């Protein structure tokens, strides 16, 4: 495709705008996914603490929440430090 100099510059500017918008949208989507993941992790941590405070054994907590016993213990230890 042959474009005159002005049209070629306009086209390049248009492509840059499209790339900028796409980049901005990608960043927003990645940030949103991070927030979703953080929320899920906080919910899981709250569940571990809730089970633990109701005397549910660590192996059952871990199995129920599909985490390792070590991870459950880390969450509990972190909660105790607060």
PDB file of N, CA and C in Angstrom:
ATOM      1  N   UNK A   1       0.846  -1.166   0.000  1.00  0.00           N
ATOM      2  CA  UNK A   1       0.000   0.000   0.000  1.00  0.00           C
ATOM      3  C   UNK A   1       0.894   1.231   0.000  1.00  0.00           C
ATOM      4  N   UNK A   2       0.684   2.099  -0.932  1.00  0.00           N
ATOM      5  CA  UNK A   2       1.468   3.338  -1.046  1.00  0.00           C
ATOM      6  C   UNK A   2       0.668   4.483  -0.464  1.00  0.00           C
ATOM      7  N   UNK A   3       1.271   5.182   0.486  1.00  0.00           N
ATOM      8  CA  UNK A   3       0.641   6.361   1.081  1.00  0.00           C
ATOM      9  C   UNK A   3       1.560   7.555   0.894  1.00  0.00           C
ATOM     10  N   UNK A   4       0.943   8.717   0.742  1.00  0.00           N
ATOM     11  CA  UNK A   4       1.797   9.897   0.693  1.00  0.00           C
ATOM     12  C   UNK A   4       2.348  10.145   2.095  1.00  0.00           C
ATOM     13  N   UNK A   5       3.294  11.057   2.208  1.00  0.00           N
ATOM     14  CA  UNK A   5       4.006  11.274   3.464  1.00  0.00           C
ATOM     15  C   UNK A   5       3.064  11.648   4.607  1.00  0.00           C
ATOM     16  N   UNK A   6       2.118  12.535   4.363  1.00  0.00           N
ATOM     17  CA  UNK A   6       1.180  12.970   5.396  1.00  0.00           C
ATOM     18  C   UNK A   6       0.297  11.802   5.848  1.00  0.00           C
ATOM     19  N   UNK A   7      -0.243  11.048   4.904  1.00  0.00           N
ATOM     20  CA  UNK A   7      -1.092   9.915   5.251  1.00  0.00           C
ATOM     21  C   UNK A   7      -0.304   8.830   5.991  1.00  0.00           C
ATOM     22  N   UNK A   8       0.941   8.632   5.610  1.00  0.00           N
ATOM     23  CA  UNK A   8       1.784   7.643   6.287  1.00  0.00           C
ATOM     24  C   UNK A   8       2.015   8.057   7.743  1.00  0.00           C
ATOM     25  N   UNK A   9       2.264   9.357   7.990  1.00  0.00           N
ATOM     26  CA  UNK A   9       2.452   9.844   9.358  1.00  0.00           C
ATOM     27  C   UNK A   9       1.164   9.686  10.160  1.00  0.00           C
ATOM     28  N   UNK A  10       0.037  10.034   9.543  1.00  0.00           N
ATOM     29  CA  UNK A  10      -1.253   9.890  10.223  1.00  0.00           C
ATOM     30  C   UNK A  10      -1.521   8.431  10.576  1.00  0.00           C
ATOM     31  N   UNK A  11      -1.203   7.547   9.657  1.00  0.00           N
ATOM     32  CA  UNK A  11      -1.415   6.123   9.874  1.00  0.00           C
ATOM     33  C   UNK A  11      -0.529   5.617  11.023  1.00  0.00           C
ATOM     34  N   UNK A  12       0.730   6.042  11.042  1.00  0.00           N
ATOM     35  CA  UNK A  12       1.649   5.634  12.115  1.00  0.00           C
ATOM     36  C   UNK A  12       1.169   6.170  13.463  1.00  0.00           C
ATOM     37  N   UNK A  13       0.662   7.396  13.476  1.00  0.00           N
ATOM     38  CA  UNK A  13       0.136   7.990  14.702  1.00  0.00           C
ATOM     39  C   UNK A  13      -1.088   7.188  15.177  1.00  0.00           C
ATOM     40  N   UNK A  14      -1.949   6.806  14.242  1.00  0.00           N
ATOM     41  CA  UNK A  14      -3.134   6.006  14.558  1.00  0.00           C
ATOM     42  C   UNK A  14      -2.728   4.649  15.147  1.00  0.00           C
ATOM     43  N   UNK A  15      -1.740   4.005  14.539  1.00  0.00           N
ATOM     44  CA  UNK A  15      -1.272   2.722  15.059  1.00  0.00           C
ATOM     45  C   UNK A  15      -0.699   2.866  16.465  1.00  0.00           C
ATOM     46  N   UNK A  16       0.034   3.955  16.706  1.00  0.00           N
ATOM     47  CA  UNK A  16       0.593   4.195  18.039  1.00  0.00           C
ATOM     48  C   UNK A  16      -0.529   4.367  19.060  1.00  0.00           C
ATOM     49  N   UNK A  17      -1.572   5.093  18.680  1.00  0.00           N
ATOM     50  CA  UNK A  17      -2.705   5.274  19.588  1.00  0.00           C
ATOM     51  C   UNK A  17      -3.354   3.925  19.914  1.00  0.00           C
ATOM     52  N   UNK A  18      -3.517   3.083  18.911  1.00  0.00           N
ATOM     53  CA  UNK A  18      -4.091   1.757  19.142  1.00  0.00           C
ATOM     54  C   UNK A  18      -3.224   0.936  20.090  1.00  0.00           C
ATOM     55  N   UNK A  19      -1.912   0.985  19.889  1.00  0.00           N
ATOM     56  CA  UNK A  19      -1.005   0.248  20.764  1.00  0.00           C
ATOM     57  C   UNK A  19      -1.070   0.784  22.189  1.00  0.00           C
ATOM     58  N   UNK A  20      -1.139   2.108  22.322  1.00  0.00           N
ATOM     59  CA  UNK A  20      -1.217   2.713  23.657  1.00  0.00           C
ATOM     60  C   UNK A  20      -2.496   2.294  24.379  1.00  0.00           C
ATOM     61  N   UNK A  21      -3.615   2.307  23.677  1.00  0.00           N
ATOM     62  CA  UNK A  21      -4.888   1.896  24.272  1.00  0.00           C
ATOM     63  C   UNK A  21      -4.838   0.424  24.663  1.00  0.00           C
ATOM     64  N   UNK A  22      -4.309  -0.410  23.789  1.00  0.00           N
ATOM     65  CA  UNK A  22      -4.206  -1.838  24.075  1.00  0.00           C
ATOM     66  C   UNK A  22      -3.310  -2.080  25.291  1.00  0.00           C
ATOM     67  N   UNK A  23      -2.221  -1.353  25.375  1.00  0.00           N
ATOM     68  CA  UNK A  23      -1.307  -1.496  26.504  1.00  0.00           C
ATOM     69  C   UNK A  23      -1.993  -1.074  27.803  1.00  0.00           C
ATOM     70  N   UNK A  24      -2.708   0.023  27.762  1.00  0.00           N
ATOM     71  CA  UNK A  24      -3.414   0.516  28.946  1.00  0.00           C
ATOM     72  C   UNK A  24      -4.468  -0.496  29.399  1.00  0.00           C
ATOM     73  N   UNK A  25      -5.204  -1.055  28.463  1.00  0.00           N
ATOM     74  CA  UNK A  25      -6.231  -2.037  28.804  1.00  0.00           C
ATOM     75  C   UNK A  25      -5.603  -3.309  29.383  1.00  0.00           C
ATOM     76  N   UNK A  26      -4.495  -3.715  28.809  1.00  0.00           N
ATOM     77  CA  UNK A  26      -3.805  -4.902  29.324  1.00  0.00           C
ATOM     78  C   UNK A  26      -3.362  -4.669  30.769  1.00  0.00           C
ATOM     79  N   UNK A  27      -2.827  -3.496  31.046  1.00  0.00           N
ATOM     80  CA  UNK A  27      -2.384  -3.161  32.397  1.00  0.00           C
ATOM     81  C   UNK A  27      -3.559  -3.168  33.363  1.00  0.00           C
ATOM     82  N   UNK A  28      -4.679  -2.592  32.952  1.00  0.00           N
ATOM     83  CA  UNK A  28      -5.862  -2.565  33.817  1.00  0.00           C
ATOM     84  C   UNK A  28      -6.362  -3.978  34.106  1.00  0.00           C
ATOM     85  N   UNK A  29      -6.355  -4.831  33.099  1.00  0.00           N
ATOM     86  CA  UNK A  29      -6.812  -6.203  33.294  1.00  0.00           C
ATOM     87  C   UNK A  29      -5.872  -6.967  34.228  1.00  0.00           C
ATOM     88  N   UNK A  30      -4.583  -6.745  34.089  1.00  0.00           N
ATOM     89  CA  UNK A  30      -3.612  -7.409  34.959  1.00  0.00           C
ATOM     90  C   UNK A  30      -3.787  -6.931  36.400  1.00  0.00           C
ATOM     91  N   UNK A  31      -4.005  -5.627  36.583  1.00  0.00           N
ATOM     92  CA  UNK A  31      -4.234  -5.083  37.922  1.00  0.00           C
ATOM     93  C   UNK A  31      -5.505  -5.661  38.535  1.00  0.00           C
ATOM     94  N   UNK A  32      -6.563  -5.780  37.740  1.00  0.00           N
ATOM     95  CA  UNK A  32      -7.820  -6.342  38.227  1.00  0.00           C
ATOM     96  C   UNK A  32      -7.624  -7.795  38.646  1.00  0.00           C
ATOM     97  N   UNK A  33      -6.887  -8.556  37.855  1.00  0.00           N
ATOM     98  CA  UNK A  33      -6.638  -9.961  38.192  1.00  0.00           C
ATOM     99  C   UNK A  33      -5.842 -10.068  39.483  1.00  0.00           C
ATOM    100  N   UNK A  34      -4.887  -9.167  39.673  1.00  0.00           N
ATOM    101  CA  UNK A  34      -4.122  -9.157  40.922  1.00  0.00           C
ATOM    102  C   UNK A  34      -5.032  -8.915  42.124  1.00  0.00           C
ATOM    103  N   UNK A  35      -5.979  -7.982  41.984  1.00  0.00           N
ATOM    104  CA  UNK A  35      -6.914  -7.697  43.071  1.00  0.00           C
ATOM    105  C   UNK A  35      -7.814  -8.900  43.360  1.00  0.00           C
ATOM    106  N   UNK A  36      -8.266  -9.564  42.313  1.00  0.00           N
ATOM    107  CA  UNK A  36      -9.096 -10.758  42.486  1.00  0.00           C
ATOM    108  C   UNK A  36      -8.312 -11.835  43.230  1.00  0.00           C
ATOM    109  N   UNK A  37      -7.079 -12.061  42.799  1.00  0.00           N
ATOM    110  CA  UNK A  37      -6.244 -13.082  43.447  1.00  0.00           C
ATOM    111  C   UNK A  37      -5.978 -12.736  44.909  1.00  0.00           C
ATOM    112  N   UNK A  38      -5.735 -11.453  45.184  1.00  0.00           N
ATOM    113  CA  UNK A  38      -5.484 -11.019  46.557  1.00  0.00           C
ATOM    114  C   UNK A  38      -6.726 -11.255  47.417  1.00  0.00           C
ATOM    115  N   UNK A  39      -7.895 -10.959  46.864  1.00  0.00           N
ATOM    116  CA  UNK A  39      -9.133 -11.180  47.598  1.00  0.00           C
ATOM    117  C   UNK A  39      -9.357 -12.648  47.907  1.00  0.00           C
ATOM    118  N   UNK A  40      -9.088 -13.498  46.938  1.00  0.00           N
ATOM    119  CA  UNK A  40      -9.236 -14.942  47.156  1.00  0.00           C
ATOM    120  C   UNK A  40      -8.287 -15.431  48.243  1.00  0.00           C
ATOM    121  N   UNK A  41      -7.067 -14.929  48.212  1.00  0.00           N
ATOM    122  CA  UNK A  41      -6.074 -15.333  49.210  1.00  0.00           C
ATOM    123  C   UNK A  41      -6.498 -14.868  50.598  1.00  0.00           C
ATOM    124  N   UNK A  42      -7.031 -13.657  50.700  1.00  0.00           N
ATOM    125  CA  UNK A  42      -7.489 -13.148  51.995  1.00  0.00           C
ATOM    126  C   UNK A  42      -8.664 -13.976  52.520  1.00  0.00           C
ATOM    127  N   UNK A  43      -9.563 -14.385  51.624  1.00  0.00           N
ATOM    128  CA  UNK A  43     -10.690 -15.230  52.030  1.00  0.00           C
ATOM    129  C   UNK A  43     -10.189 -16.580  52.540  1.00  0.00           C
ATOM    130  N   UNK A  44      -9.221 -17.144  51.840  1.00  0.00           N
ATOM    131  CA  UNK A  44      -8.676 -18.438  52.252  1.00  0.00           C
ATOM    132  C   UNK A  44      -7.981 -18.300  53.607  1.00  0.00           C
ATOM    133  N   UNK A  45      -7.239 -17.221  53.792  1.00  0.00           N
ATOM    134  CA  UNK A  45      -6.567 -16.994  55.071  1.00  0.00           C
ATOM    135  C   UNK A  45      -7.593 -16.867  56.202  1.00  0.00           C
ATOM    136  N   UNK A  46      -8.676 -16.142  55.948  1.00  0.00           N
ATOM    137  CA  UNK A  46      -9.721 -15.982  56.958  1.00  0.00           C
ATOM    138  C   UNK A  46     -10.360 -17.331  57.280  1.00  0.00           C
ATOM    139  N   UNK A  47     -10.537 -18.162  56.279  1.00  0.00           N
ATOM    140  CA  UNK A  47     -11.108 -19.491  56.502  1.00  0.00           C
ATOM    141  C   UNK A  47     -10.179 -20.332  57.373  1.00  0.00           C
ATOM    142  N   UNK A  48      -8.889 -20.291  57.087  1.00  0.00           N
ATOM    143  CA  UNK A  48      -7.922 -21.043  57.898  1.00  0.00           C
ATOM    144  C   UNK A  48      -8.013 -20.602  59.353  1.00  0.00           C
ATOM    145  N   UNK A  49      -8.007 -19.301  59.568  1.00  0.00           N
ATOM    146  CA  UNK A  49      -8.057 -18.762  60.932  1.00  0.00           C
ATOM    147  C   UNK A  49      -9.379 -19.161  61.607  1.00  0.00           C
ATOM    148  N   UNK A  50     -10.469 -19.038  60.869  1.00  0.00           N
ATOM    149  CA  UNK A  50     -11.766 -19.401  61.437  1.00  0.00           C
ATOM    150  C   UNK A  50     -11.833 -20.864  61.844  1.00  0.00           C
ATOM    151  N   UNK A  51     -11.363 -21.743  60.962  1.00  0.00           N
ATOM    152  CA  UNK A  51     -11.335 -23.171  61.306  1.00  0.00           C
ATOM    153  C   UNK A  51     -10.452 -23.424  62.532  1.00  0.00           C
ATOM    154  N   UNK A  52      -9.275 -22.802  62.515  1.00  0.00           N
ATOM    155  CA  UNK A  52      -8.315 -23.001  63.594  1.00  0.00           C
ATOM    156  C   UNK A  52      -8.900 -22.546  64.935  1.00  0.00           C
ATOM    157  N   UNK A  53      -9.552 -21.388  64.924  1.00  0.00           N
ATOM    158  CA  UNK A  53     -10.134 -20.862  66.159  1.00  0.00           C
ATOM    159  C   UNK A  53     -11.307 -21.708  66.647  1.00  0.00           C
ATOM    160  N   UNK A  54     -11.854 -22.553  65.773  1.00  0.00           N
ATOM    161  CA  UNK A  54     -12.929 -23.472  66.163  1.00  0.00           C
ATOM    162  C   UNK A  54     -12.412 -24.887  66.368  1.00  0.00           C
ATOM    163  N   UNK A  55     -11.104 -24.969  66.604  1.00  0.00           N
ATOM    164  CA  UNK A  55     -10.448 -26.232  66.977  1.00  0.00           C
ATOM    165  C   UNK A  55     -10.507 -27.323  65.912  1.00  0.00           C
ATOM    166  N   UNK A  56     -10.559 -26.921  64.643  1.00  0.00           N
ATOM    167  CA  UNK A  56     -10.483 -27.909  63.567  1.00  0.00           C
ATOM    168  C   UNK A  56      -9.005 -28.270  63.393  1.00  0.00           C
ATOM    169  N   UNK A  57      -8.676 -29.546  63.332  1.00  0.00           N
ATOM    170  CA  UNK A  57      -7.274 -29.963  63.191  1.00  0.00           C
ATOM    171  C   UNK A  57      -6.655 -29.449  61.876  1.00  0.00           C
ATOM    172  N   UNK A  58      -5.370 -29.139  61.951  1.00  0.00           N
ATOM    173  CA  UNK A  58      -4.632 -28.595  60.807  1.00  0.00           C
ATOM    174  C   UNK A  58      -4.762 -29.487  59.565  1.00  0.00           C
ATOM    175  N   UNK A  59      -4.603 -30.809  59.683  1.00  0.00           N
ATOM    176  CA  UNK A  59      -4.722 -31.640  58.467  1.00  0.00           C
ATOM    177  C   UNK A  59      -6.089 -31.502  57.787  1.00  0.00           C
ATOM    178  N   UNK A  60      -7.144 -31.360  58.577  1.00  0.00           N
ATOM    179  CA  UNK A  60      -8.474 -31.212  57.999  1.00  0.00           C
ATOM    180  C   UNK A  60      -8.633 -29.834  57.359  1.00  0.00           C
ATOM    181  N   UNK A  61      -8.085 -28.815  58.003  1.00  0.00           N
ATOM    182  CA  UNK A  61      -8.121 -27.466  57.419  1.00  0.00           C
ATOM    183  C   UNK A  61      -7.430 -27.481  56.065  1.00  0.00           C
ATOM    184  N   UNK A  62      -6.239 -28.037  56.043  1.00  0.00           N
ATOM    185  CA  UNK A  62      -5.448 -28.055  54.807  1.00  0.00           C
ATOM    186  C   UNK A  62      -6.167 -28.826  53.705  1.00  0.00           C
ATOM    187  N   UNK A  63      -6.684 -29.980  54.038  1.00  0.00           N
ATOM    188  CA  UNK A  63      -7.366 -30.798  53.038  1.00  0.00           C
ATOM    189  C   UNK A  63      -8.627 -30.098  52.541  1.00  0.00           C
ATOM    190  N   UNK A  64      -9.379 -29.491  53.443  1.00  0.00           N
ATOM    191  CA  UNK A  64     -10.628 -28.820  53.077  1.00  0.00           C
ATOM    192  C   UNK A  64     -10.395 -27.633  52.151  1.00  0.00           C
ATOM    193  N   UNK A  65      -9.309 -26.912  52.383  1.00  0.00           N
ATOM    194  CA  UNK A  65      -9.021 -25.712  51.595  1.00  0.00           C
ATOM    195  C   UNK A  65      -8.029 -25.959  50.466  1.00  0.00           C
ATOM    196  N   UNK A  66      -7.632 -27.216  50.315  1.00  0.00           N
ATOM    197  CA  UNK A  66      -6.711 -27.610  49.247  1.00  0.00           C
ATOM    198  C   UNK A  66      -5.395 -26.820  49.306  1.00  0.00           C
ATOM    199  N   UNK A  67      -4.858 -26.761  50.524  1.00  0.00           N
ATOM    200  CA  UNK A  67      -3.546 -26.154  50.731  1.00  0.00           C
ATOM    201  C   UNK A  67      -2.711 -27.156  51.525  1.00  0.00           C
ATOM    202  N   UNK A  68      -1.414 -26.895  51.599  1.00  0.00           N
ATOM    203  CA  UNK A  68      -0.562 -27.784  52.385  1.00  0.00           C
ATOM    204  C   UNK A  68      -0.708 -27.460  53.868  1.00  0.00           C
ATOM    205  N   UNK A  69      -0.383 -28.434  54.683  1.00  0.00           N
ATOM    206  CA  UNK A  69      -0.408 -28.189  56.129  1.00  0.00           C
ATOM    207  C   UNK A  69       0.588 -27.093  56.499  1.00  0.00           C
ATOM    208  N   UNK A  70       1.717 -27.079  55.809  1.00  0.00           N
ATOM    209  CA  UNK A  70       2.732 -26.061  56.075  1.00  0.00           C
ATOM    210  C   UNK A  70       2.184 -24.664  55.781  1.00  0.00           C
ATOM    211  N   UNK A  71       1.446 -24.535  54.686  1.00  0.00           N
ATOM    212  CA  UNK A  71       0.866 -23.239  54.339  1.00  0.00           C
ATOM    213  C   UNK A  71      -0.161 -22.820  55.388  1.00  0.00           C
ATOM    214  N   UNK A  72      -0.980 -23.760  55.824  1.00  0.00           N
ATOM    215  CA  UNK A  72      -1.965 -23.462  56.868  1.00  0.00           C
ATOM    216  C   UNK A  72      -1.260 -22.985  58.140  1.00  0.00           C
ATOM    217  N   UNK A  73      -0.188 -23.668  58.509  1.00  0.00           N
ATOM    218  CA  UNK A  73       0.567 -23.269  59.709  1.00  0.00           C
ATOM    219  C   UNK A  73       1.199 -21.890  59.548  1.00  0.00           C
ATOM    220  N   UNK A  74       1.670 -21.580  58.349  1.00  0.00           N
ATOM    221  CA  UNK A  74       2.233 -20.247  58.102  1.00  0.00           C
ATOM    222  C   UNK A  74       1.170 -19.170  58.288  1.00  0.00           C
ATOM    223  N   UNK A  75      -0.020 -19.423  57.772  1.00  0.00           N
ATOM    224  CA  UNK A  75      -1.117 -18.460  57.914  1.00  0.00           C
ATOM    225  C   UNK A  75      -1.452 -18.274  59.388  1.00  0.00           C
ATOM    226  N   UNK A  76      -1.532 -19.366  60.122  1.00  0.00           N
ATOM    227  CA  UNK A  76      -1.854 -19.303  61.550  1.00  0.00           C
ATOM    228  C   UNK A  76      -0.764 -18.561  62.310  1.00  0.00           C
ATOM    229  N   UNK A  77       0.500 -18.894  62.037  1.00  0.00           N
ATOM    230  CA  UNK A  77       1.613 -18.217  62.705  1.00  0.00           C
ATOM    231  C   UNK A  77       1.611 -16.718  62.410  1.00  0.00           C
ATOM    232  N   UNK A  78       1.338 -16.382  61.167  1.00  0.00           N
ATOM    233  CA  UNK A  78       1.297 -14.960  60.784  1.00  0.00           C
ATOM    234  C   UNK A  78       0.170 -14.256  61.539  1.00  0.00           C
ATOM    235  N   UNK A  79      -0.956 -14.929  61.683  1.00  0.00           N
ATOM    236  CA  UNK A  79      -2.109 -14.352  62.376  1.00  0.00           C
ATOM    237  C   UNK A  79      -1.787 -14.133  63.861  1.00  0.00           C
ATOM    238  N   UNK A  80      -1.057 -15.081  64.444  1.00  0.00           N
ATOM    239  CA  UNK A  80      -0.682 -14.969  65.875  1.00  0.00           C
ATOM    240  C   UNK A  80       0.254 -13.794  66.102  1.00  0.00           C
ATOM    241  N   UNK A  81       1.074 -13.466  65.096  1.00  0.00           N
ATOM    242  CA  UNK A  81       2.045 -12.373  65.223  1.00  0.00           C
ATOM    243  C   UNK A  81       1.391 -10.994  65.226  1.00  0.00           C
ATOM    244  N   UNK A  82       0.159 -10.933  64.774  1.00  0.00           N
ATOM    245  CA  UNK A  82      -0.524  -9.624  64.683  1.00  0.00           C
ATOM    246  C   UNK A  82      -1.022  -9.159  66.023  1.00  0.00           C
TER     247      UNK A  82
END
